[in-house]
């Protein structure tokens, strides 16, 4: 990639970041926009196996966490992380958004949750 093309691409990405930032201060960007961008990316990666993972989560209820995690990873198509929530970022409630978001984030597998 030549320098001019690289500069144009970087300028374009920063203009998108400014648009996404909206009313947030630039200092808040890293604490708010980046985590949501990561959550959305993880959700997209998990989308093809989401229904299978949720079914497996309920099928393995009551088993030890390590055993259940093994089944969940298998249902996730071998990915090293999964989310067992029936919620998505799109389906978060308008009235209890904070509680739904916490429930959604806590339903990620241990390693993904730590990120």
PDB file of N, CA and C in Angstrom:
ATOM      1  N   UNK A   1       0.860  -1.173   0.000  1.00  0.00           N
ATOM      2  CA  UNK A   1       0.000   0.000   0.000  1.00  0.00           C
ATOM      3  C   UNK A   1       0.900   1.229   0.000  1.00  0.00           C
ATOM      4  N   UNK A   2       0.652   2.145  -0.953  1.00  0.00           N
ATOM      5  CA  UNK A   2       1.494   3.339  -0.991  1.00  0.00           C
ATOM      6  C   UNK A   2       1.055   4.339   0.077  1.00  0.00           C
ATOM      7  N   UNK A   3       1.906   5.306   0.355  1.00  0.00           N
ATOM      8  CA  UNK A   3       1.665   6.248   1.453  1.00  0.00           C
ATOM      9  C   UNK A   3       0.416   7.095   1.228  1.00  0.00           C
ATOM     10  N   UNK A   4       0.170   7.501  -0.012  1.00  0.00           N
ATOM     11  CA  UNK A   4      -0.999   8.336  -0.284  1.00  0.00           C
ATOM     12  C   UNK A   4      -2.288   7.551  -0.029  1.00  0.00           C
ATOM     13  N   UNK A   5      -2.334   6.321  -0.511  1.00  0.00           N
ATOM     14  CA  UNK A   5      -3.501   5.473  -0.293  1.00  0.00           C
ATOM     15  C   UNK A   5      -3.681   5.182   1.194  1.00  0.00           C
ATOM     16  N   UNK A   6      -2.570   4.949   1.897  1.00  0.00           N
ATOM     17  CA  UNK A   6      -2.616   4.703   3.336  1.00  0.00           C
ATOM     18  C   UNK A   6      -3.166   5.919   4.078  1.00  0.00           C
ATOM     19  N   UNK A   7      -2.719   7.107   3.717  1.00  0.00           N
ATOM     20  CA  UNK A   7      -3.193   8.345   4.362  1.00  0.00           C
ATOM     21  C   UNK A   7      -4.673   8.572   4.105  1.00  0.00           C
ATOM     22  N   UNK A   8      -5.107   8.286   2.876  1.00  0.00           N
ATOM     23  CA  UNK A   8      -6.529   8.444   2.548  1.00  0.00           C
ATOM     24  C   UNK A   8      -7.380   7.466   3.350  1.00  0.00           C
ATOM     25  N   UNK A   9      -6.914   6.247   3.458  1.00  0.00           N
ATOM     26  CA  UNK A   9      -7.644   5.234   4.216  1.00  0.00           C
ATOM     27  C   UNK A   9      -7.719   5.616   5.687  1.00  0.00           C
ATOM     28  N   UNK A  10      -6.597   6.061   6.246  1.00  0.00           N
ATOM     29  CA  UNK A  10      -6.571   6.474   7.650  1.00  0.00           C
ATOM     30  C   UNK A  10      -7.501   7.655   7.886  1.00  0.00           C
ATOM     31  N   UNK A  11      -7.495   8.633   7.000  1.00  0.00           N
ATOM     32  CA  UNK A  11      -8.374   9.792   7.134  1.00  0.00           C
ATOM     33  C   UNK A  11      -9.842   9.373   7.059  1.00  0.00           C
ATOM     34  N   UNK A  12     -10.141   8.440   6.166  1.00  0.00           N
ATOM     35  CA  UNK A  12     -11.512   7.942   6.035  1.00  0.00           C
ATOM     36  C   UNK A  12     -11.957   7.243   7.317  1.00  0.00           C
ATOM     37  N   UNK A  13     -11.099   6.389   7.875  1.00  0.00           N
ATOM     38  CA  UNK A  13     -11.437   5.678   9.112  1.00  0.00           C
ATOM     39  C   UNK A  13     -11.638   6.648  10.268  1.00  0.00           C
ATOM     40  N   UNK A  14     -10.809   7.666  10.386  1.00  0.00           N
ATOM     41  CA  UNK A  14     -10.975   8.642  11.457  1.00  0.00           C
ATOM     42  C   UNK A  14     -12.259   9.439  11.280  1.00  0.00           C
ATOM     43  N   UNK A  15     -12.652   9.698  10.036  1.00  0.00           N
ATOM     44  CA  UNK A  15     -13.917  10.422   9.818  1.00  0.00           C
ATOM     45  C   UNK A  15     -15.099   9.558  10.253  1.00  0.00           C
ATOM     46  N   UNK A  16     -15.009   8.256  10.038  1.00  0.00           N
ATOM     47  CA  UNK A  16     -16.054   7.343  10.519  1.00  0.00           C
ATOM     48  C   UNK A  16     -16.066   7.328  12.043  1.00  0.00           C
ATOM     49  N   UNK A  17     -14.893   7.279  12.649  1.00  0.00           N
ATOM     50  CA  UNK A  17     -14.801   7.288  14.112  1.00  0.00           C
ATOM     51  C   UNK A  17     -15.430   8.559  14.676  1.00  0.00           C
ATOM     52  N   UNK A  18     -15.186   9.699  14.045  1.00  0.00           N
ATOM     53  CA  UNK A  18     -15.786  10.949  14.507  1.00  0.00           C
ATOM     54  C   UNK A  18     -17.302  10.916  14.372  1.00  0.00           C
ATOM     55  N   UNK A  19     -17.781  10.308  13.297  1.00  0.00           N
ATOM     56  CA  UNK A  19     -19.226  10.186  13.096  1.00  0.00           C
ATOM     57  C   UNK A  19     -19.841   9.281  14.163  1.00  0.00           C
ATOM     58  N   UNK A  20     -19.201   8.152  14.440  1.00  0.00           N
ATOM     59  CA  UNK A  20     -19.702   7.223  15.444  1.00  0.00           C
ATOM     60  C   UNK A  20     -19.653   7.826  16.844  1.00  0.00           C
ATOM     61  N   UNK A  21     -18.658   8.623  17.080  1.00  0.00           N
ATOM     62  CA  UNK A  21     -18.471   9.197  18.409  1.00  0.00           C
ATOM     63  C   UNK A  21     -19.639  10.076  18.795  1.00  0.00           C
ATOM     64  N   UNK A  22     -20.227  10.767  17.836  1.00  0.00           N
ATOM     65  CA  UNK A  22     -21.405  11.587  18.092  1.00  0.00           C
ATOM     66  C   UNK A  22     -21.210  12.563  19.234  1.00  0.00           C
ATOM     67  N   UNK A  23     -22.057  12.455  20.261  1.00  0.00           N
ATOM     68  CA  UNK A  23     -22.032  13.391  21.386  1.00  0.00           C
ATOM     69  C   UNK A  23     -20.974  13.073  22.431  1.00  0.00           C
ATOM     70  N   UNK A  24     -20.295  11.940  22.293  1.00  0.00           N
ATOM     71  CA  UNK A  24     -19.279  11.582  23.274  1.00  0.00           C
ATOM     72  C   UNK A  24     -18.025  12.414  23.074  1.00  0.00           C
ATOM     73  N   UNK A  25     -17.386  12.747  24.170  1.00  0.00           N
ATOM     74  CA  UNK A  25     -16.114  13.458  24.097  1.00  0.00           C
ATOM     75  C   UNK A  25     -15.057  12.507  23.567  1.00  0.00           C
ATOM     76  N   UNK A  26     -14.035  13.061  22.957  1.00  0.00           N
ATOM     77  CA  UNK A  26     -12.987  12.234  22.377  1.00  0.00           C
ATOM     78  C   UNK A  26     -12.322  11.358  23.442  1.00  0.00           C
ATOM     79  N   UNK A  27     -12.203  11.855  24.663  1.00  0.00           N
ATOM     80  CA  UNK A  27     -11.581  11.071  25.738  1.00  0.00           C
ATOM     81  C   UNK A  27     -12.444   9.881  26.142  1.00  0.00           C
ATOM     82  N   UNK A  28     -13.756   9.925  25.858  1.00  0.00           N
ATOM     83  CA  UNK A  28     -14.657   8.823  26.193  1.00  0.00           C
ATOM     84  C   UNK A  28     -14.697   7.755  25.107  1.00  0.00           C
ATOM     85  N   UNK A  29     -14.157   8.063  23.958  1.00  0.00           N
ATOM     86  CA  UNK A  29     -14.250   7.176  22.795  1.00  0.00           C
ATOM     87  C   UNK A  29     -13.756   5.765  23.100  1.00  0.00           C
ATOM     88  N   UNK A  30     -12.588   5.671  23.688  1.00  0.00           N
ATOM     89  CA  UNK A  30     -11.999   4.364  23.962  1.00  0.00           C
ATOM     90  C   UNK A  30     -12.768   3.560  24.995  1.00  0.00           C
ATOM     91  N   UNK A  31     -13.463   4.225  25.888  1.00  0.00           N
ATOM     92  CA  UNK A  31     -14.218   3.525  26.934  1.00  0.00           C
ATOM     93  C   UNK A  31     -15.604   3.112  26.472  1.00  0.00           C
ATOM     94  N   UNK A  32     -16.120   3.718  25.407  1.00  0.00           N
ATOM     95  CA  UNK A  32     -17.497   3.456  25.002  1.00  0.00           C
ATOM     96  C   UNK A  32     -17.579   2.839  23.609  1.00  0.00           C
ATOM     97  N   UNK A  33     -17.065   3.506  22.619  1.00  0.00           N
ATOM     98  CA  UNK A  33     -17.222   3.057  21.236  1.00  0.00           C
ATOM     99  C   UNK A  33     -16.424   1.792  20.961  1.00  0.00           C
ATOM    100  N   UNK A  34     -15.186   1.730  21.394  1.00  0.00           N
ATOM    101  CA  UNK A  34     -14.367   0.550  21.108  1.00  0.00           C
ATOM    102  C   UNK A  34     -14.936  -0.733  21.724  1.00  0.00           C
ATOM    103  N   UNK A  35     -15.388  -0.718  22.978  1.00  0.00           N
ATOM    104  CA  UNK A  35     -15.991  -1.947  23.514  1.00  0.00           C
ATOM    105  C   UNK A  35     -17.240  -2.387  22.738  1.00  0.00           C
ATOM    106  N   UNK A  36     -18.071  -1.444  22.333  1.00  0.00           N
ATOM    107  CA  UNK A  36     -19.253  -1.816  21.561  1.00  0.00           C
ATOM    108  C   UNK A  36     -18.877  -2.332  20.176  1.00  0.00           C
ATOM    109  N   UNK A  37     -17.820  -1.780  19.601  1.00  0.00           N
ATOM    110  CA  UNK A  37     -17.342  -2.269  18.310  1.00  0.00           C
ATOM    111  C   UNK A  37     -16.860  -3.710  18.456  1.00  0.00           C
ATOM    112  N   UNK A  38     -16.138  -3.991  19.521  1.00  0.00           N
ATOM    113  CA  UNK A  38     -15.667  -5.349  19.782  1.00  0.00           C
ATOM    114  C   UNK A  38     -16.845  -6.298  20.034  1.00  0.00           C
ATOM    115  N   UNK A  39     -17.812  -5.875  20.834  1.00  0.00           N
ATOM    116  CA  UNK A  39     -18.995  -6.710  21.085  1.00  0.00           C
ATOM    117  C   UNK A  39     -19.710  -7.039  19.780  1.00  0.00           C
ATOM    118  N   UNK A  40     -19.871  -6.051  18.931  1.00  0.00           N
ATOM    119  CA  UNK A  40     -20.565  -6.278  17.658  1.00  0.00           C
ATOM    120  C   UNK A  40     -19.772  -7.231  16.776  1.00  0.00           C
ATOM    121  N   UNK A  41     -18.470  -7.083  16.744  1.00  0.00           N
ATOM    122  CA  UNK A  41     -17.636  -7.974  15.923  1.00  0.00           C
ATOM    123  C   UNK A  41     -17.746  -9.409  16.432  1.00  0.00           C
ATOM    124  N   UNK A  42     -17.676  -9.581  17.738  1.00  0.00           N
ATOM    125  CA  UNK A  42     -17.799 -10.924  18.314  1.00  0.00           C
ATOM    126  C   UNK A  42     -19.178 -11.502  18.002  1.00  0.00           C
ATOM    127  N   UNK A  43     -20.207 -10.681  18.089  1.00  0.00           N
ATOM    128  CA  UNK A  43     -21.562 -11.145  17.784  1.00  0.00           C
ATOM    129  C   UNK A  43     -21.663 -11.609  16.329  1.00  0.00           C
ATOM    130  N   UNK A  44     -21.047 -10.878  15.420  1.00  0.00           N
ATOM    131  CA  UNK A  44     -21.070 -11.263  14.005  1.00  0.00           C
ATOM    132  C   UNK A  44     -20.348 -12.585  13.770  1.00  0.00           C
ATOM    133  N   UNK A  45     -19.223 -12.779  14.432  1.00  0.00           N
ATOM    134  CA  UNK A  45     -18.469 -14.028  14.285  1.00  0.00           C
ATOM    135  C   UNK A  45     -19.284 -15.208  14.805  1.00  0.00           C
ATOM    136  N   UNK A  46     -20.024 -14.987  15.888  1.00  0.00           N
ATOM    137  CA  UNK A  46     -20.793 -16.060  16.517  1.00  0.00           C
ATOM    138  C   UNK A  46     -22.167 -16.287  15.888  1.00  0.00           C
ATOM    139  N   UNK A  47     -22.605 -15.397  15.032  1.00  0.00           N
ATOM    140  CA  UNK A  47     -23.962 -15.460  14.472  1.00  0.00           C
ATOM    141  C   UNK A  47     -24.314 -16.801  13.818  1.00  0.00           C
ATOM    142  N   UNK A  48     -23.434 -17.397  13.015  1.00  0.00           N
ATOM    143  CA  UNK A  48     -23.825 -18.646  12.348  1.00  0.00           C
ATOM    144  C   UNK A  48     -24.135 -19.802  13.316  1.00  0.00           C
ATOM    145  N   UNK A  49     -23.549 -19.801  14.495  1.00  0.00           N
ATOM    146  CA  UNK A  49     -23.741 -20.911  15.426  1.00  0.00           C
ATOM    147  C   UNK A  49     -24.555 -20.507  16.662  1.00  0.00           C
ATOM    148  N   UNK A  50     -25.086 -19.304  16.664  1.00  0.00           N
ATOM    149  CA  UNK A  50     -25.775 -18.765  17.839  1.00  0.00           C
ATOM    150  C   UNK A  50     -26.904 -19.665  18.333  1.00  0.00           C
ATOM    151  N   UNK A  51     -27.788 -20.077  17.445  1.00  0.00           N
ATOM    152  CA  UNK A  51     -28.930 -20.899  17.848  1.00  0.00           C
ATOM    153  C   UNK A  51     -28.490 -22.245  18.412  1.00  0.00           C
ATOM    154  N   UNK A  52     -27.486 -22.858  17.796  1.00  0.00           N
ATOM    155  CA  UNK A  52     -26.985 -24.150  18.279  1.00  0.00           C
ATOM    156  C   UNK A  52     -26.365 -24.010  19.666  1.00  0.00           C
ATOM    157  N   UNK A  53     -25.653 -22.927  19.903  1.00  0.00           N
ATOM    158  CA  UNK A  53     -25.025 -22.701  21.200  1.00  0.00           C
ATOM    159  C   UNK A  53     -26.087 -22.508  22.284  1.00  0.00           C
ATOM    160  N   UNK A  54     -27.120 -21.739  21.987  1.00  0.00           N
ATOM    161  CA  UNK A  54     -28.182 -21.512  22.971  1.00  0.00           C
ATOM    162  C   UNK A  54     -28.897 -22.826  23.286  1.00  0.00           C
ATOM    163  N   UNK A  55     -29.186 -23.619  22.260  1.00  0.00           N
ATOM    164  CA  UNK A  55     -29.822 -24.926  22.492  1.00  0.00           C
ATOM    165  C   UNK A  55     -28.939 -25.810  23.362  1.00  0.00           C
ATOM    166  N   UNK A  56     -27.644 -25.819  23.063  1.00  0.00           N
ATOM    167  CA  UNK A  56     -26.699 -26.649  23.824  1.00  0.00           C
ATOM    168  C   UNK A  56     -26.586 -26.166  25.261  1.00  0.00           C
ATOM    169  N   UNK A  57     -26.649 -24.859  25.455  1.00  0.00           N
ATOM    170  CA  UNK A  57     -26.577 -24.296  26.799  1.00  0.00           C
ATOM    171  C   UNK A  57     -27.692 -24.863  27.675  1.00  0.00           C
ATOM    172  N   UNK A  58     -28.899 -24.887  27.154  1.00  0.00           N
ATOM    173  CA  UNK A  58     -30.029 -25.417  27.929  1.00  0.00           C
ATOM    174  C   UNK A  58     -29.977 -26.935  28.035  1.00  0.00           C
ATOM    175  N   UNK A  59     -29.459 -27.599  27.021  1.00  0.00           N
ATOM    176  CA  UNK A  59     -29.359 -29.063  27.058  1.00  0.00           C
ATOM    177  C   UNK A  59     -28.335 -29.527  28.094  1.00  0.00           C
ATOM    178  N   UNK A  60     -27.315 -28.714  28.348  1.00  0.00           N
ATOM    179  CA  UNK A  60     -26.234 -29.104  29.262  1.00  0.00           C
ATOM    180  C   UNK A  60     -26.379 -28.469  30.643  1.00  0.00           C
ATOM    181  N   UNK A  61     -27.530 -27.891  30.905  1.00  0.00           N
ATOM    182  CA  UNK A  61     -27.767 -27.238  32.194  1.00  0.00           C
ATOM    183  C   UNK A  61     -27.582 -28.246  33.336  1.00  0.00           C
ATOM    184  N   UNK A  62     -26.899 -27.810  34.379  1.00  0.00           N
ATOM    185  CA  UNK A  62     -26.676 -28.666  35.535  1.00  0.00           C
ATOM    186  C   UNK A  62     -25.350 -29.424  35.499  1.00  0.00           C
ATOM    187  N   UNK A  63     -24.696 -29.435  34.358  1.00  0.00           N
ATOM    188  CA  UNK A  63     -23.384 -30.091  34.268  1.00  0.00           C
ATOM    189  C   UNK A  63     -22.300 -29.163  34.798  1.00  0.00           C
ATOM    190  N   UNK A  64     -21.155 -29.708  35.161  1.00  0.00           N
ATOM    191  CA  UNK A  64     -20.031 -28.844  35.590  1.00  0.00           C
ATOM    192  C   UNK A  64     -19.645 -27.863  34.475  1.00  0.00           C
ATOM    193  N   UNK A  65     -19.179 -26.693  34.866  1.00  0.00           N
ATOM    194  CA  UNK A  65     -18.851 -25.647  33.892  1.00  0.00           C
ATOM    195  C   UNK A  65     -17.856 -26.109  32.838  1.00  0.00           C
ATOM    196  N   UNK A  66     -16.838 -26.860  33.233  1.00  0.00           N
ATOM    197  CA  UNK A  66     -15.835 -27.289  32.259  1.00  0.00           C
ATOM    198  C   UNK A  66     -16.437 -28.218  31.213  1.00  0.00           C
ATOM    199  N   UNK A  67     -17.339 -29.080  31.629  1.00  0.00           N
ATOM    200  CA  UNK A  67     -17.986 -30.000  30.688  1.00  0.00           C
ATOM    201  C   UNK A  67     -18.932 -29.218  29.774  1.00  0.00           C
ATOM    202  N   UNK A  68     -19.704 -28.330  30.367  1.00  0.00           N
ATOM    203  CA  UNK A  68     -20.646 -27.528  29.578  1.00  0.00           C
ATOM    204  C   UNK A  68     -19.897 -26.663  28.574  1.00  0.00           C
ATOM    205  N   UNK A  69     -18.787 -26.062  28.993  1.00  0.00           N
ATOM    206  CA  UNK A  69     -17.993 -25.239  28.078  1.00  0.00           C
ATOM    207  C   UNK A  69     -17.488 -26.041  26.892  1.00  0.00           C
ATOM    208  N   UNK A  70     -17.099 -27.287  27.134  1.00  0.00           N
ATOM    209  CA  UNK A  70     -16.630 -28.147  26.052  1.00  0.00           C
ATOM    210  C   UNK A  70     -17.745 -28.362  25.017  1.00  0.00           C
ATOM    211  N   UNK A  71     -18.949 -28.646  25.489  1.00  0.00           N
ATOM    212  CA  UNK A  71     -20.080 -28.831  24.584  1.00  0.00           C
ATOM    213  C   UNK A  71     -20.423 -27.536  23.851  1.00  0.00           C
ATOM    214  N   UNK A  72     -20.312 -26.432  24.559  1.00  0.00           N
ATOM    215  CA  UNK A  72     -20.626 -25.143  23.952  1.00  0.00           C
ATOM    216  C   UNK A  72     -19.625 -24.781  22.851  1.00  0.00           C
ATOM    217  N   UNK A  73     -18.341 -25.056  23.089  1.00  0.00           N
ATOM    218  CA  UNK A  73     -17.335 -24.788  22.063  1.00  0.00           C
ATOM    219  C   UNK A  73     -17.572 -25.665  20.840  1.00  0.00           C
ATOM    220  N   UNK A  74     -17.968 -26.883  21.067  1.00  0.00           N
ATOM    221  CA  UNK A  74     -18.282 -27.772  19.951  1.00  0.00           C
ATOM    222  C   UNK A  74     -19.470 -27.213  19.163  1.00  0.00           C
ATOM    223  N   UNK A  75     -20.495 -26.759  19.870  1.00  0.00           N
ATOM    224  CA  UNK A  75     -21.666 -26.173  19.208  1.00  0.00           C
ATOM    225  C   UNK A  75     -21.301 -24.881  18.475  1.00  0.00           C
ATOM    226  N   UNK A  76     -20.274 -24.187  18.959  1.00  0.00           N
ATOM    227  CA  UNK A  76     -19.819 -22.945  18.330  1.00  0.00           C
ATOM    228  C   UNK A  76     -18.914 -23.207  17.139  1.00  0.00           C
ATOM    229  N   UNK A  77     -18.860 -24.440  16.694  1.00  0.00           N
ATOM    230  CA  UNK A  77     -18.073 -24.758  15.515  1.00  0.00           C
ATOM    231  C   UNK A  77     -16.580 -24.765  15.769  1.00  0.00           C
ATOM    232  N   UNK A  78     -16.183 -25.031  16.995  1.00  0.00           N
ATOM    233  CA  UNK A  78     -14.771 -25.094  17.324  1.00  0.00           C
ATOM    234  C   UNK A  78     -14.155 -23.757  17.703  1.00  0.00           C
ATOM    235  N   UNK A  79     -14.949 -22.699  17.688  1.00  0.00           N
ATOM    236  CA  UNK A  79     -14.414 -21.406  18.127  1.00  0.00           C
ATOM    237  C   UNK A  79     -14.032 -21.493  19.597  1.00  0.00           C
ATOM    238  N   UNK A  80     -13.095 -20.698  20.014  1.00  0.00           N
ATOM    239  CA  UNK A  80     -12.628 -20.712  21.392  1.00  0.00           C
ATOM    240  C   UNK A  80     -13.500 -19.887  22.318  1.00  0.00           C
ATOM    241  N   UNK A  81     -14.537 -19.240  21.780  1.00  0.00           N
ATOM    242  CA  UNK A  81     -15.434 -18.449  22.613  1.00  0.00           C
ATOM    243  C   UNK A  81     -16.856 -18.609  22.101  1.00  0.00           C
ATOM    244  N   UNK A  82     -17.812 -18.273  22.957  1.00  0.00           N
ATOM    245  CA  UNK A  82     -19.225 -18.382  22.610  1.00  0.00           C
ATOM    246  C   UNK A  82     -20.028 -17.453  23.496  1.00  0.00           C
ATOM    247  N   UNK A  83     -21.294 -17.293  23.164  1.00  0.00           N
ATOM    248  CA  UNK A  83     -22.217 -16.524  23.987  1.00  0.00           C
ATOM    249  C   UNK A  83     -23.514 -17.313  24.073  1.00  0.00           C
ATOM    250  N   UNK A  84     -23.940 -17.607  25.287  1.00  0.00           N
ATOM    251  CA  UNK A  84     -25.127 -18.432  25.488  1.00  0.00           C
ATOM    252  C   UNK A  84     -26.403 -17.617  25.701  1.00  0.00           C
ATOM    253  N   UNK A  85     -26.339 -16.317  25.522  1.00  0.00           N
ATOM    254  CA  UNK A  85     -27.506 -15.463  25.742  1.00  0.00           C
ATOM    255  C   UNK A  85     -28.482 -15.555  24.579  1.00  0.00           C
ATOM    256  N   UNK A  86     -29.762 -15.439  24.900  1.00  0.00           N
ATOM    257  CA  UNK A  86     -30.772 -15.352  23.850  1.00  0.00           C
ATOM    258  C   UNK A  86     -30.875 -13.931  23.314  1.00  0.00           C
ATOM    259  N   UNK A  87     -30.228 -12.989  23.992  1.00  0.00           N
ATOM    260  CA  UNK A  87     -30.231 -11.588  23.574  1.00  0.00           C
ATOM    261  C   UNK A  87     -29.163 -11.335  22.515  1.00  0.00           C
ATOM    262  N   UNK A  88     -29.362 -10.295  21.736  1.00  0.00           N
ATOM    263  CA  UNK A  88     -28.344  -9.763  20.841  1.00  0.00           C
ATOM    264  C   UNK A  88     -28.284  -8.261  21.097  1.00  0.00           C
ATOM    265  N   UNK A  89     -27.306  -7.590  20.515  1.00  0.00           N
ATOM    266  CA  UNK A  89     -27.248  -6.134  20.683  1.00  0.00           C
ATOM    267  C   UNK A  89     -28.498  -5.480  20.100  1.00  0.00           C
ATOM    268  N   UNK A  90     -29.063  -6.095  19.085  1.00  0.00           N
ATOM    269  CA  UNK A  90     -30.270  -5.547  18.464  1.00  0.00           C
ATOM    270  C   UNK A  90     -31.513  -5.738  19.323  1.00  0.00           C
ATOM    271  N   UNK A  91     -31.542  -6.789  20.124  1.00  0.00           N
ATOM    272  CA  UNK A  91     -32.754  -7.095  20.886  1.00  0.00           C
ATOM    273  C   UNK A  91     -32.710  -6.608  22.337  1.00  0.00           C
ATOM    274  N   UNK A  92     -31.728  -5.816  22.700  1.00  0.00           N
ATOM    275  CA  UNK A  92     -31.692  -5.259  24.054  1.00  0.00           C
ATOM    276  C   UNK A  92     -32.931  -4.408  24.283  1.00  0.00           C
ATOM    277  N   UNK A  93     -33.505  -4.507  25.438  1.00  0.00           N
ATOM    278  CA  UNK A  93     -34.746  -3.808  25.769  1.00  0.00           C
ATOM    279  C   UNK A  93     -34.536  -2.298  25.848  1.00  0.00           C
ATOM    280  N   UNK A  94     -35.562  -1.563  25.471  1.00  0.00           N
ATOM    281  CA  UNK A  94     -35.519  -0.098  25.597  1.00  0.00           C
ATOM    282  C   UNK A  94     -35.702   0.339  27.041  1.00  0.00           C
ATOM    283  N   UNK A  95     -36.328  -0.488  27.850  1.00  0.00           N
ATOM    284  CA  UNK A  95     -36.643  -0.081  29.219  1.00  0.00           C
ATOM    285  C   UNK A  95     -35.638  -0.592  30.247  1.00  0.00           C
ATOM    286  N   UNK A  96     -34.985  -1.691  29.965  1.00  0.00           N
ATOM    287  CA  UNK A  96     -33.993  -2.219  30.912  1.00  0.00           C
ATOM    288  C   UNK A  96     -32.687  -2.538  30.180  1.00  0.00           C
ATOM    289  N   UNK A  97     -32.230  -1.581  29.411  1.00  0.00           N
ATOM    290  CA  UNK A  97     -31.057  -1.763  28.565  1.00  0.00           C
ATOM    291  C   UNK A  97     -29.824  -2.142  29.377  1.00  0.00           C
ATOM    292  N   UNK A  98     -29.585  -1.479  30.484  1.00  0.00           N
ATOM    293  CA  UNK A  98     -28.400  -1.750  31.295  1.00  0.00           C
ATOM    294  C   UNK A  98     -28.399  -3.187  31.811  1.00  0.00           C
ATOM    295  N   UNK A  99     -29.514  -3.639  32.333  1.00  0.00           N
ATOM    296  CA  UNK A  99     -29.610  -5.008  32.857  1.00  0.00           C
ATOM    297  C   UNK A  99     -29.457  -6.024  31.732  1.00  0.00           C
ATOM    298  N   UNK A 100     -30.094  -5.756  30.587  1.00  0.00           N
ATOM    299  CA  UNK A 100     -29.976  -6.666  29.446  1.00  0.00           C
ATOM    300  C   UNK A 100     -28.538  -6.725  28.932  1.00  0.00           C
ATOM    301  N   UNK A 101     -27.891  -5.575  28.856  1.00  0.00           N
ATOM    302  CA  UNK A 101     -26.512  -5.536  28.379  1.00  0.00           C
ATOM    303  C   UNK A 101     -25.596  -6.324  29.310  1.00  0.00           C
ATOM    304  N   UNK A 102     -25.775  -6.157  30.606  1.00  0.00           N
ATOM    305  CA  UNK A 102     -24.957  -6.914  31.560  1.00  0.00           C
ATOM    306  C   UNK A 102     -25.208  -8.415  31.416  1.00  0.00           C
ATOM    307  N   UNK A 103     -26.451  -8.801  31.262  1.00  0.00           N
ATOM    308  CA  UNK A 103     -26.799 -10.215  31.070  1.00  0.00           C
ATOM    309  C   UNK A 103     -26.157 -10.756  29.797  1.00  0.00           C
ATOM    310  N   UNK A 104     -26.214  -9.984  28.738  1.00  0.00           N
ATOM    311  CA  UNK A 104     -25.628 -10.376  27.454  1.00  0.00           C
ATOM    312  C   UNK A 104     -24.117 -10.559  27.563  1.00  0.00           C
ATOM    313  N   UNK A 105     -23.449  -9.595  28.164  1.00  0.00           N
ATOM    314  CA  UNK A 105     -21.984  -9.649  28.296  1.00  0.00           C
ATOM    315  C   UNK A 105     -21.569 -10.802  29.212  1.00  0.00           C
ATOM    316  N   UNK A 106     -22.302 -11.038  30.296  1.00  0.00           N
ATOM    317  CA  UNK A 106     -21.954 -12.106  31.228  1.00  0.00           C
ATOM    318  C   UNK A 106     -22.190 -13.493  30.642  1.00  0.00           C
ATOM    319  N   UNK A 107     -22.940 -13.585  29.547  1.00  0.00           N
ATOM    320  CA  UNK A 107     -23.203 -14.876  28.909  1.00  0.00           C
ATOM    321  C   UNK A 107     -22.078 -15.302  27.969  1.00  0.00           C
ATOM    322  N   UNK A 108     -21.073 -14.452  27.777  1.00  0.00           N
ATOM    323  CA  UNK A 108     -19.913 -14.857  26.977  1.00  0.00           C
ATOM    324  C   UNK A 108     -19.096 -15.880  27.751  1.00  0.00           C
ATOM    325  N   UNK A 109     -18.380 -16.700  27.015  1.00  0.00           N
ATOM    326  CA  UNK A 109     -17.478 -17.654  27.664  1.00  0.00           C
ATOM    327  C   UNK A 109     -16.443 -16.893  28.466  1.00  0.00           C
ATOM    328  N   UNK A 110     -15.801 -17.585  29.381  1.00  0.00           N
ATOM    329  CA  UNK A 110     -14.891 -16.947  30.342  1.00  0.00           C
ATOM    330  C   UNK A 110     -13.828 -16.087  29.674  1.00  0.00           C
ATOM    331  N   UNK A 111     -13.136 -16.639  28.689  1.00  0.00           N
ATOM    332  CA  UNK A 111     -12.066 -15.888  28.029  1.00  0.00           C
ATOM    333  C   UNK A 111     -12.577 -14.655  27.300  1.00  0.00           C
ATOM    334  N   UNK A 112     -13.701 -14.792  26.620  1.00  0.00           N
ATOM    335  CA  UNK A 112     -14.268 -13.642  25.909  1.00  0.00           C
ATOM    336  C   UNK A 112     -14.775 -12.605  26.899  1.00  0.00           C
ATOM    337  N   UNK A 113     -15.352 -13.030  27.980  1.00  0.00           N
ATOM    338  CA  UNK A 113     -15.873 -12.117  28.991  1.00  0.00           C
ATOM    339  C   UNK A 113     -14.734 -11.271  29.583  1.00  0.00           C
ATOM    340  N   UNK A 114     -13.581 -11.880  29.798  1.00  0.00           N
ATOM    341  CA  UNK A 114     -12.438 -11.150  30.362  1.00  0.00           C
ATOM    342  C   UNK A 114     -11.968 -10.050  29.433  1.00  0.00           C
ATOM    343  N   UNK A 115     -12.070 -10.264  28.146  1.00  0.00           N
ATOM    344  CA  UNK A 115     -11.674  -9.240  27.162  1.00  0.00           C
ATOM    345  C   UNK A 115     -12.600  -8.064  27.274  1.00  0.00           C
TER     346      UNK A 115
END
